[in-house]
Amino acid sequence: MIANSLSILLSGVLALAGLVHLAWAFGSTFPYANQQALARAVVGRRGITRMPSLAASAFVAFCLLAASVWALLLGRIVVVPVSDWLVAPGGLALAGVFLFRGIIGVMPTFERALPEQPFLRLNRRFYSPLCVLIGLAFLGLTLAMPNWAWRISLLGL
């Protein structure tokens, strides 16, 4: 029950982020007035004036939408004829990616590399904490999969 709810919530958050990135790929500046303001808030690279290319933004959108579907796979909302031995490592990989982005996002080196405001402020308050929560959700969904406890016991934990 909790895994299903978490799966749907996580999928919704990731799908929304993916759709926003897709809109940006096709030229939308939502929620900012122009490309420069959006790029400064979303990318944060020093001196940035334009958003990344259509291909780069579309790739990020695709990855977020794929992660959204993966969350539904982990929660057993969407069932495909694929072994849990393939679904679980994908969940762990996604947990690792999002946890890594969330943790590294608040490190001084990362902040020096991407100093533009309002990105720096948004990253500290919203982007990095959200990535950590998404990573923890993927970890929780992966560990909540049926028959997962005995696999952990094989590790001696």
C-alpha atoms as a PDB file:
ATOM      1  CA  MET A   1       0.000   0.000   0.000  1.00  0.00           C
ATOM      2  CA  ILE A   2       2.675   2.526   0.982  1.00  0.00           C
ATOM      3  CA  ALA A   3       4.903   1.427  -1.889  1.00  0.00           C
ATOM      4  CA  ASN A   4       2.039   1.938  -4.350  1.00  0.00           C
ATOM      5  CA  SER A   5       1.326   5.433  -3.043  1.00  0.00           C
ATOM      6  CA  LEU A   6       5.005   6.344  -3.008  1.00  0.00           C
ATOM      7  CA  SER A   7       5.376   4.978  -6.523  1.00  0.00           C
ATOM      8  CA  ILE A   8       2.506   7.094  -7.845  1.00  0.00           C
ATOM      9  CA  LEU A   9       3.721  10.225  -6.045  1.00  0.00           C
ATOM     10  CA  LEU A  10       7.301   9.757  -7.249  1.00  0.00           C
ATOM     11  CA  SER A  11       6.147   9.052 -10.781  1.00  0.00           C
ATOM     12  CA  GLY A  12       4.009  12.193 -10.762  1.00  0.00           C
ATOM     13  CA  VAL A  13       6.863  14.399  -9.572  1.00  0.00           C
ATOM     14  CA  LEU A  14       9.246  12.971 -12.166  1.00  0.00           C
ATOM     15  CA  ALA A  15       6.663  13.175 -14.969  1.00  0.00           C
ATOM     16  CA  LEU A  16       5.944  16.807 -14.133  1.00  0.00           C
ATOM     17  CA  ALA A  17       9.664  17.626 -14.146  1.00  0.00           C
ATOM     18  CA  GLY A  18      10.072  15.736 -17.420  1.00  0.00           C
ATOM     19  CA  LEU A  19       7.202  17.592 -19.078  1.00  0.00           C
ATOM     20  CA  VAL A  20       8.573  20.958 -17.934  1.00  0.00           C
ATOM     21  CA  HIS A  21      11.991  20.055 -19.382  1.00  0.00           C
ATOM     22  CA  LEU A  22      10.283  19.008 -22.613  1.00  0.00           C
ATOM     23  CA  ALA A  23       8.489  22.362 -22.778  1.00  0.00           C
ATOM     24  CA  TRP A  24      11.842  24.103 -22.254  1.00  0.00           C
ATOM     25  CA  ALA A  25      13.347  22.002 -25.043  1.00  0.00           C
ATOM     26  CA  PHE A  26      10.751  23.421 -27.424  1.00  0.00           C
ATOM     27  CA  GLY A  27      11.339  27.026 -26.408  1.00  0.00           C
ATOM     28  CA  SER A  28       9.033  27.703 -23.476  1.00  0.00           C
ATOM     29  CA  THR A  29      10.447  30.040 -20.853  1.00  0.00           C
ATOM     30  CA  PHE A  30       7.922  29.099 -18.159  1.00  0.00           C
ATOM     31  CA  PRO A  31       7.981  30.343 -15.390  1.00  0.00           C
ATOM     32  CA  TYR A  32      10.391  33.138 -16.388  1.00  0.00           C
ATOM     33  CA  ALA A  33      10.033  36.048 -18.798  1.00  0.00           C
ATOM     34  CA  ASN A  34      12.895  35.176 -21.163  1.00  0.00           C
ATOM     35  CA  GLN A  35      15.614  32.628 -22.048  1.00  0.00           C
ATOM     36  CA  GLN A  36      18.341  34.351 -20.045  1.00  0.00           C
ATOM     37  CA  ALA A  37      16.326  34.456 -16.817  1.00  0.00           C
ATOM     38  CA  LEU A  38      15.334  30.808 -17.276  1.00  0.00           C
ATOM     39  CA  ALA A  39      18.913  29.707 -18.011  1.00  0.00           C
ATOM     40  CA  ARG A  40      20.226  31.561 -14.971  1.00  0.00           C
ATOM     41  CA  ALA A  41      17.635  29.829 -12.778  1.00  0.00           C
ATOM     42  CA  VAL A  42      17.877  26.346 -14.265  1.00  0.00           C
ATOM     43  CA  VAL A  43      21.471  25.923 -15.471  1.00  0.00           C
ATOM     44  CA  GLY A  44      23.428  28.429 -13.389  1.00  0.00           C
ATOM     45  CA  ARG A  45      26.654  28.411 -15.429  1.00  0.00           C
ATOM     46  CA  ARG A  46      28.648  31.625 -15.139  1.00  0.00           C
ATOM     47  CA  GLY A  47      27.588  34.134 -17.807  1.00  0.00           C
ATOM     48  CA  ILE A  48      24.885  31.921 -19.334  1.00  0.00           C
ATOM     49  CA  THR A  49      22.428  33.732 -21.611  1.00  0.00           C
ATOM     50  CA  ARG A  50      20.548  30.881 -23.338  1.00  0.00           C
ATOM     51  CA  MET A  51      19.138  27.514 -22.414  1.00  0.00           C
ATOM     52  CA  PRO A  52      20.990  24.391 -23.558  1.00  0.00           C
ATOM     53  CA  SER A  53      20.144  22.933 -26.953  1.00  0.00           C
ATOM     54  CA  LEU A  54      16.892  21.238 -27.849  1.00  0.00           C
ATOM     55  CA  ALA A  55      18.703  17.885 -27.853  1.00  0.00           C
ATOM     56  CA  ALA A  56      20.152  18.384 -24.354  1.00  0.00           C
ATOM     57  CA  SER A  57      16.854  19.498 -22.831  1.00  0.00           C
ATOM     58  CA  ALA A  58      14.933  16.748 -24.625  1.00  0.00           C
ATOM     59  CA  PHE A  59      17.435  14.163 -23.366  1.00  0.00           C
ATOM     60  CA  VAL A  60      16.918  15.297 -19.763  1.00  0.00           C
ATOM     61  CA  ALA A  61      13.146  15.228 -20.314  1.00  0.00           C
ATOM     62  CA  PHE A  62      13.371  11.681 -21.716  1.00  0.00           C
ATOM     63  CA  CYS A  63      15.463  10.517 -18.745  1.00  0.00           C
ATOM     64  CA  LEU A  64      13.031  12.023 -16.237  1.00  0.00           C
ATOM     65  CA  LEU A  65      10.032  10.479 -18.006  1.00  0.00           C
ATOM     66  CA  ALA A  66      11.783   7.097 -18.140  1.00  0.00           C
ATOM     67  CA  ALA A  67      12.535   7.367 -14.408  1.00  0.00           C
ATOM     68  CA  SER A  68       8.842   8.150 -13.887  1.00  0.00           C
ATOM     69  CA  VAL A  69       7.876   4.897 -15.604  1.00  0.00           C
ATOM     70  CA  TRP A  70      10.556   3.031 -13.619  1.00  0.00           C
ATOM     71  CA  ALA A  71       8.979   4.275 -10.394  1.00  0.00           C
ATOM     72  CA  LEU A  72       5.685   2.736 -11.536  1.00  0.00           C
ATOM     73  CA  LEU A  73       7.493  -0.530 -12.312  1.00  0.00           C
ATOM     74  CA  LEU A  74       9.004  -0.620  -8.827  1.00  0.00           C
ATOM     75  CA  GLY A  75       5.603   0.008  -7.223  1.00  0.00           C
ATOM     76  CA  ARG A  76       3.959  -2.679  -9.356  1.00  0.00           C
ATOM     77  CA  ILE A  77       1.543  -0.118 -10.826  1.00  0.00           C
ATOM     78  CA  VAL A  78       2.810  -0.975 -14.303  1.00  0.00           C
ATOM     79  CA  VAL A  79       3.632  -4.622 -14.897  1.00  0.00           C
ATOM     80  CA  VAL A  80       5.829  -5.745 -17.774  1.00  0.00           C
ATOM     81  CA  PRO A  81       7.234  -9.200 -18.461  1.00  0.00           C
ATOM     82  CA  VAL A  82      10.650  -8.338 -17.047  1.00  0.00           C
ATOM     83  CA  SER A  83      12.403 -10.066 -14.180  1.00  0.00           C
ATOM     84  CA  ASP A  84      12.744  -8.336 -10.821  1.00  0.00           C
ATOM     85  CA  TRP A  85      16.453  -9.009 -11.223  1.00  0.00           C
ATOM     86  CA  LEU A  86      16.401  -6.311 -13.940  1.00  0.00           C
ATOM     87  CA  VAL A  87      13.963  -3.909 -12.300  1.00  0.00           C
ATOM     88  CA  ALA A  88      15.702  -3.816  -8.906  1.00  0.00           C
ATOM     89  CA  PRO A  89      19.186  -2.830 -10.172  1.00  0.00           C
ATOM     90  CA  GLY A  90      17.545  -0.070 -12.211  1.00  0.00           C
ATOM     91  CA  GLY A  91      15.897   1.210  -9.050  1.00  0.00           C
ATOM     92  CA  LEU A  92      19.203   1.136  -7.183  1.00  0.00           C
ATOM     93  CA  ALA A  93      20.931   2.920 -10.067  1.00  0.00           C
ATOM     94  CA  LEU A  94      18.279   5.647 -10.112  1.00  0.00           C
ATOM     95  CA  ALA A  95      18.545   5.988  -6.337  1.00  0.00           C
ATOM     96  CA  GLY A  96      22.302   6.402  -6.690  1.00  0.00           C
ATOM     97  CA  VAL A  97      22.029   8.982  -9.475  1.00  0.00           C
ATOM     98  CA  PHE A  98      19.523  11.154  -7.631  1.00  0.00           C
ATOM     99  CA  LEU A  99      21.280  10.834  -4.260  1.00  0.00           C
ATOM    100  CA  PHE A 100      24.594  11.731  -5.912  1.00  0.00           C
ATOM    101  CA  ARG A 101      23.075  14.807  -7.594  1.00  0.00           C
ATOM    102  CA  GLY A 102      21.432  15.887  -4.363  1.00  0.00           C
ATOM    103  CA  ILE A 103      24.557  15.516  -2.248  1.00  0.00           C
ATOM    104  CA  ILE A 104      27.064  16.935  -4.706  1.00  0.00           C
ATOM    105  CA  GLY A 105      24.737  19.863  -5.408  1.00  0.00           C
ATOM    106  CA  VAL A 106      25.472  21.454  -2.036  1.00  0.00           C
ATOM    107  CA  MET A 107      29.235  20.962  -2.110  1.00  0.00           C
ATOM    108  CA  PRO A 108      31.389  24.096  -2.432  1.00  0.00           C
ATOM    109  CA  THR A 109      33.055  22.949  -5.672  1.00  0.00           C
ATOM    110  CA  PHE A 110      29.674  22.485  -7.350  1.00  0.00           C
ATOM    111  CA  GLU A 111      28.515  25.858  -6.110  1.00  0.00           C
ATOM    112  CA  ARG A 112      31.666  27.590  -7.395  1.00  0.00           C
ATOM    113  CA  ALA A 113      31.172  25.990 -10.810  1.00  0.00           C
ATOM    114  CA  LEU A 114      27.549  27.146 -11.067  1.00  0.00           C
ATOM    115  CA  PRO A 115      27.445  30.505  -9.264  1.00  0.00           C
ATOM    116  CA  GLU A 116      24.618  32.322 -11.081  1.00  0.00           C
ATOM    117  CA  GLN A 117      21.673  33.529  -9.070  1.00  0.00           C
ATOM    118  CA  PRO A 118      18.896  32.493  -8.726  1.00  0.00           C
ATOM    119  CA  PHE A 119      20.217  28.981  -9.562  1.00  0.00           C
ATOM    120  CA  LEU A 120      22.480  28.846  -6.524  1.00  0.00           C
ATOM    121  CA  ARG A 121      19.665  29.767  -4.142  1.00  0.00           C
ATOM    122  CA  LEU A 122      17.154  27.444  -5.876  1.00  0.00           C
ATOM    123  CA  ASN A 123      19.678  24.615  -5.860  1.00  0.00           C
ATOM    124  CA  ARG A 124      20.277  24.913  -2.120  1.00  0.00           C
ATOM    125  CA  ARG A 125      16.620  25.239  -1.202  1.00  0.00           C
ATOM    126  CA  PHE A 126      14.841  23.132  -3.801  1.00  0.00           C
ATOM    127  CA  TYR A 127      16.799  21.201  -6.465  1.00  0.00           C
ATOM    128  CA  SER A 128      19.296  19.348  -4.249  1.00  0.00           C
ATOM    129  CA  PRO A 129      16.849  18.491  -1.444  1.00  0.00           C
ATOM    130  CA  LEU A 130      14.325  17.281  -4.031  1.00  0.00           C
ATOM    131  CA  CYS A 131      16.972  15.064  -5.643  1.00  0.00           C
ATOM    132  CA  VAL A 132      17.838  13.537  -2.255  1.00  0.00           C
ATOM    133  CA  LEU A 133      14.159  12.842  -1.566  1.00  0.00           C
ATOM    134  CA  ILE A 134      13.723  11.285  -5.021  1.00  0.00           C
ATOM    135  CA  GLY A 135      16.810   9.133  -4.439  1.00  0.00           C
ATOM    136  CA  LEU A 136      15.525   7.985  -1.059  1.00  0.00           C
ATOM    137  CA  ALA A 137      12.136   7.213  -2.606  1.00  0.00           C
ATOM    138  CA  PHE A 138      13.769   5.053  -5.292  1.00  0.00           C
ATOM    139  CA  LEU A 139      15.812   3.294  -2.616  1.00  0.00           C
ATOM    140  CA  GLY A 140      12.698   2.684  -0.526  1.00  0.00           C
ATOM    141  CA  LEU A 141      10.725   1.379  -3.504  1.00  0.00           C
ATOM    142  CA  THR A 142      13.548  -0.943  -4.477  1.00  0.00           C
ATOM    143  CA  LEU A 143      13.901  -2.332  -0.962  1.00  0.00           C
ATOM    144  CA  ALA A 144      10.107  -2.723  -0.691  1.00  0.00           C
ATOM    145  CA  MET A 145       9.993  -5.086  -3.665  1.00  0.00           C
ATOM    146  CA  PRO A 146       8.695  -8.575  -2.860  1.00  0.00           C
ATOM    147  CA  ASN A 147      11.319 -11.090  -1.768  1.00  0.00           C
ATOM    148  CA  TRP A 148      13.949  -8.378  -1.410  1.00  0.00           C
ATOM    149  CA  ALA A 149      14.701  -9.018   2.288  1.00  0.00           C
ATOM    150  CA  TRP A 150      16.375 -12.363   1.647  1.00  0.00           C
ATOM    151  CA  ARG A 151      18.583 -10.755  -1.002  1.00  0.00           C
ATOM    152  CA  ILE A 152      19.843  -8.253   1.552  1.00  0.00           C
ATOM    153  CA  SER A 153      20.460 -11.064   4.033  1.00  0.00           C
ATOM    154  CA  LEU A 154      22.822 -12.625   1.498  1.00  0.00           C
ATOM    155  CA  LEU A 155      25.022  -9.556   1.966  1.00  0.00           C
ATOM    156  CA  GLY A 156      25.277 -10.284   5.672  1.00  0.00           C
ATOM    157  CA  LEU A 157      23.511  -7.090   6.751  1.00  0.00           C
END
